[in-house]
Amino acid sequence: MVAKGFGAYGEYVEREEDIGPAIARALARGKPAVILVPVDKVVNATETPNYDEYASWGVY
C-alpha cells in the first residue's frame, strides 16, 4: 500500500464490521493512517438522502 511507503499506517478493509477495529488499530499507531474501504458507487449514490433530486442532475 502506498501509505506504508510514506511512513503511514495503511490497511485495506472489505467488510463493514472490520471498519471500527481498523480505525482503532490506526489510532493506536499514533501516526498518519489511511484506511481503504471500497465503496460501490451505484449503491452508495442510490442510498444517499434526496437521491431522486440528485439523479435528476444527470450525473449517473
C-alpha atoms as a PDB file:
ATOM      1  CA  MET A   1       0.000   0.000   0.000  1.00  0.00           C
ATOM      2  CA  VAL A   2       1.295   3.465  -0.866  1.00  0.00           C
ATOM      3  CA  ALA A   3       0.647   4.790   2.657  1.00  0.00           C
ATOM      4  CA  LYS A   4       3.307   2.495   4.097  1.00  0.00           C
ATOM      5  CA  GLY A   5       5.802   3.772   1.555  1.00  0.00           C
ATOM      6  CA  PHE A   6       5.335   7.252   3.042  1.00  0.00           C
ATOM      7  CA  GLY A   7       5.683   6.050   6.633  1.00  0.00           C
ATOM      8  CA  ALA A   8       1.969   6.000   7.411  1.00  0.00           C
ATOM      9  CA  TYR A   9      -0.099   3.094   8.645  1.00  0.00           C
ATOM     10  CA  GLY A  10      -2.198   1.583   5.868  1.00  0.00           C
ATOM     11  CA  GLU A  11      -4.944  -1.008   5.899  1.00  0.00           C
ATOM     12  CA  TYR A  12      -7.455  -2.349   3.374  1.00  0.00           C
ATOM     13  CA  VAL A  13     -10.882  -3.203   4.799  1.00  0.00           C
ATOM     14  CA  GLU A  14     -13.610  -5.014   2.865  1.00  0.00           C
ATOM     15  CA  ARG A  15     -16.264  -5.756   5.476  1.00  0.00           C
ATOM     16  CA  GLU A  16     -18.334  -3.182   7.340  1.00  0.00           C
ATOM     17  CA  GLU A  17     -17.758  -4.875  10.683  1.00  0.00           C
ATOM     18  CA  ASP A  18     -13.980  -4.530  10.237  1.00  0.00           C
ATOM     19  CA  ILE A  19     -14.004  -0.731   9.879  1.00  0.00           C
ATOM     20  CA  GLY A  20     -14.194   0.039  13.614  1.00  0.00           C
ATOM     21  CA  PRO A  21     -11.320  -2.270  14.575  1.00  0.00           C
ATOM     22  CA  ALA A  22      -9.249  -0.887  11.681  1.00  0.00           C
ATOM     23  CA  ILE A  23      -9.773   2.640  12.979  1.00  0.00           C
ATOM     24  CA  ALA A  24      -8.755   1.523  16.480  1.00  0.00           C
ATOM     25  CA  ARG A  25      -5.565  -0.047  15.099  1.00  0.00           C
ATOM     26  CA  ALA A  26      -4.810   3.100  13.127  1.00  0.00           C
ATOM     27  CA  LEU A  27      -5.272   5.344  16.162  1.00  0.00           C
ATOM     28  CA  ALA A  28      -3.094   3.037  18.266  1.00  0.00           C
ATOM     29  CA  ARG A  29      -0.201   3.547  15.824  1.00  0.00           C
ATOM     30  CA  GLY A  30      -0.012   7.226  16.686  1.00  0.00           C
ATOM     31  CA  LYS A  31       0.937   8.304  13.189  1.00  0.00           C
ATOM     32  CA  PRO A  32      -0.872   9.251   9.969  1.00  0.00           C
ATOM     33  CA  ALA A  33      -3.056   6.452   8.631  1.00  0.00           C
ATOM     34  CA  VAL A  34      -5.014   5.515   5.540  1.00  0.00           C
ATOM     35  CA  ILE A  35      -7.865   3.019   5.694  1.00  0.00           C
ATOM     36  CA  LEU A  36      -9.035   1.986   2.257  1.00  0.00           C
ATOM     37  CA  VAL A  37     -12.677   0.911   2.149  1.00  0.00           C
ATOM     38  CA  PRO A  38     -14.029   0.109  -1.315  1.00  0.00           C
ATOM     39  CA  VAL A  39     -17.469   1.586  -1.938  1.00  0.00           C
ATOM     40  CA  ASP A  40     -19.940   0.586  -4.643  1.00  0.00           C
ATOM     41  CA  LYS A  41     -20.621   3.954  -6.277  1.00  0.00           C
ATOM     42  CA  VAL A  42     -24.061   2.967  -7.539  1.00  0.00           C
ATOM     43  CA  VAL A  43     -25.321   1.607  -4.224  1.00  0.00           C
ATOM     44  CA  ASN A  44     -23.743   4.485  -2.339  1.00  0.00           C
ATOM     45  CA  ALA A  45     -25.383   7.025  -4.640  1.00  0.00           C
ATOM     46  CA  THR A  46     -28.841   5.484  -4.613  1.00  0.00           C
ATOM     47  CA  GLU A  47     -28.903   5.306  -0.807  1.00  0.00           C
ATOM     48  CA  THR A  48     -27.992   8.981  -0.448  1.00  0.00           C
ATOM     49  CA  PRO A  49     -30.703  11.129   1.132  1.00  0.00           C
ATOM     50  CA  ASN A  50     -32.582  13.049  -1.583  1.00  0.00           C
ATOM     51  CA  TYR A  51     -31.180  10.714  -4.262  1.00  0.00           C
ATOM     52  CA  ASP A  52     -34.135  11.425  -6.580  1.00  0.00           C
ATOM     53  CA  GLU A  53     -33.210  15.103  -6.630  1.00  0.00           C
ATOM     54  CA  TYR A  54     -29.545  14.402  -7.389  1.00  0.00           C
ATOM     55  CA  ALA A  55     -30.406  11.782 -10.002  1.00  0.00           C
ATOM     56  CA  SER A  56     -32.297  14.427 -11.938  1.00  0.00           C
ATOM     57  CA  TRP A  57     -28.992  16.285 -12.413  1.00  0.00           C
ATOM     58  CA  GLY A  58     -27.883  13.548 -14.822  1.00  0.00           C
ATOM     59  CA  VAL A  59     -24.633  12.692 -13.037  1.00  0.00           C
ATOM     60  CA  TYR A  60     -25.288   8.938 -13.052  1.00  0.00           C
END
